[in-house]
Structures are given as C-alpha cells and as structure tokens.
Amino acid sequence: MRRIRTLSPAGSRAVRELLQCYADCGYDPEIWPRTARSIAPDFGEAHHHLGALYLEQDRLPEAIAELRESVRLLPQSFRARRSLAEALE
C-alpha cells in the first residue's frame, strides 16, 4: 500500500478502491484498513475508512476516534470532516 501511495497522487483512491474490492469479495472489511493503518499510521484514508465502517456498525466511540484522526491527517478533506460531523450528531 505504501507503494500505491507513492506511485501517484491518486494512490489513496487506488487504496480505497482496493479496500472496497476486498469488502465486495466477502473479506472482513476491518482487516484491510487496519492493515493499511498499521503499515502507514499517517494514512488518513485508512482512518477514514475504518471510521466510516465503525459508524455503519454503530460503534460510535471507535468511529469518532478514527474520524478525528482522519481529519487531523487530512485537514482539507471535506469528506473526512463531513463523516466526523455525522458521527458527532
């Protein structure tokens, strides 16, 4: 995943699509963003993906923590801010 991120600015989109592909194939959707987060703790997209997943599962404390980290790492991301606002409602 680090290599994907360094290949192009669209690397985070590629990782997001890869994560979605794994989820669509029936893999545990938590495994892949956790793996991405462990490889690159500063990868805001992984934190966002986990936060959104936790939000869908009504795991609010975990969702809020991941989404706050996502906003910290991606301060210009409207999507990250919107997801955090949704979790805090």
Protein backbone atom coordinates (compact mmCIF):
# COMPACT_ATOMS: atom_id res chain seq x y z
CA MET A 1 0.00 0.00 0.00
CA ARG A 2 2.88 2.36 0.60
CA ARG A 3 3.97 1.72 -2.97
CA ILE A 4 0.49 2.51 -4.30
CA ARG A 5 0.51 5.82 -2.43
CA THR A 6 3.89 6.80 -3.87
CA LEU A 7 3.04 5.97 -7.47
CA SER A 8 0.66 8.86 -7.97
CA PRO A 9 -1.42 11.44 -6.14
CA ALA A 10 -4.41 9.22 -6.86
CA GLY A 11 -2.84 6.49 -4.72
CA SER A 12 -5.31 6.97 -1.90
CA ARG A 13 -8.13 6.45 -4.39
CA ALA A 14 -6.47 3.23 -5.54
CA VAL A 15 -6.20 2.01 -1.96
CA ARG A 16 -9.83 2.95 -1.30
CA GLU A 17 -10.92 1.00 -4.38
CA LEU A 18 -8.77 -1.96 -3.35
CA LEU A 19 -10.33 -1.93 0.12
CA GLN A 20 -13.80 -1.82 -1.43
CA CYS A 21 -12.91 -4.71 -3.75
CA TYR A 22 -11.84 -6.85 -0.80
CA ALA A 23 -15.03 -5.97 1.05
CA ASP A 24 -17.13 -6.79 -2.03
CA CYS A 25 -15.42 -10.19 -2.26
CA GLY A 26 -16.55 -11.09 1.23
CA TYR A 27 -13.37 -10.43 3.18
CA ASP A 28 -13.66 -8.95 6.65
CA PRO A 29 -13.90 -5.22 5.88
CA GLU A 30 -11.91 -4.29 9.01
CA ILE A 31 -8.80 -6.26 8.12
CA TRP A 32 -7.68 -4.18 5.16
CA PRO A 33 -7.94 -0.65 6.60
CA ARG A 34 -6.36 -1.89 9.83
CA THR A 35 -3.51 -3.33 7.80
CA ALA A 36 -3.13 -0.07 5.88
CA ARG A 37 -3.19 1.90 9.12
CA SER A 38 -0.55 -0.34 10.68
CA ILE A 39 1.74 -0.04 7.65
CA ALA A 40 1.29 3.71 7.34
CA PRO A 41 -0.17 5.25 10.53
CA ASP A 42 -0.25 8.65 8.83
CA PHE A 43 -2.51 7.36 6.03
CA GLY A 44 -5.67 9.36 6.66
CA GLU A 45 -7.74 7.37 4.17
CA ALA A 46 -7.33 4.20 6.26
CA HIS A 47 -8.51 6.04 9.37
CA HIS A 48 -11.45 7.45 7.42
CA HIS A 49 -12.40 4.07 6.02
CA LEU A 50 -12.31 2.46 9.47
CA GLY A 51 -14.25 5.35 10.99
CA ALA A 52 -16.94 5.11 8.32
CA LEU A 53 -17.13 1.35 8.82
CA TYR A 54 -17.48 1.75 12.59
CA LEU A 55 -20.13 4.41 12.05
CA GLU A 56 -22.15 1.99 9.90
CA GLN A 57 -21.85 -0.58 12.71
CA ASP A 58 -22.98 1.95 15.36
CA ARG A 59 -19.61 1.71 17.11
CA LEU A 60 -19.62 5.43 17.83
CA PRO A 61 -16.63 5.84 20.20
CA GLU A 62 -14.37 3.94 17.79
CA ALA A 63 -15.81 5.77 14.77
CA ILE A 64 -15.27 9.18 16.34
CA ALA A 65 -11.67 8.36 17.29
CA GLU A 66 -10.80 7.15 13.77
CA LEU A 67 -12.61 10.04 12.08
CA ARG A 68 -10.90 12.62 14.30
CA GLU A 69 -7.55 11.14 13.31
CA SER A 70 -8.63 11.22 9.67
CA VAL A 71 -9.48 14.93 9.94
CA ARG A 72 -6.15 15.60 11.67
CA LEU A 73 -4.26 13.85 8.88
CA LEU A 74 -6.46 15.19 6.06
CA PRO A 75 -7.36 18.72 7.22
CA GLN A 76 -8.52 19.78 3.75
CA SER A 77 -10.78 16.76 3.24
CA PHE A 78 -14.44 17.73 3.15
CA ARG A 79 -15.37 14.04 3.19
CA ALA A 80 -13.43 13.40 6.41
CA ARG A 81 -14.99 16.43 8.09
CA ARG A 82 -18.47 15.50 6.92
CA SER A 83 -18.10 11.96 8.26
CA LEU A 84 -16.89 13.24 11.62
CA ALA A 85 -19.81 15.68 11.81
CA GLU A 86 -22.20 12.82 11.06
CA ALA A 87 -20.66 10.72 13.84
CA LEU A 88 -20.94 13.60 16.32
CA GLU A 89 -24.64 14.26 15.58
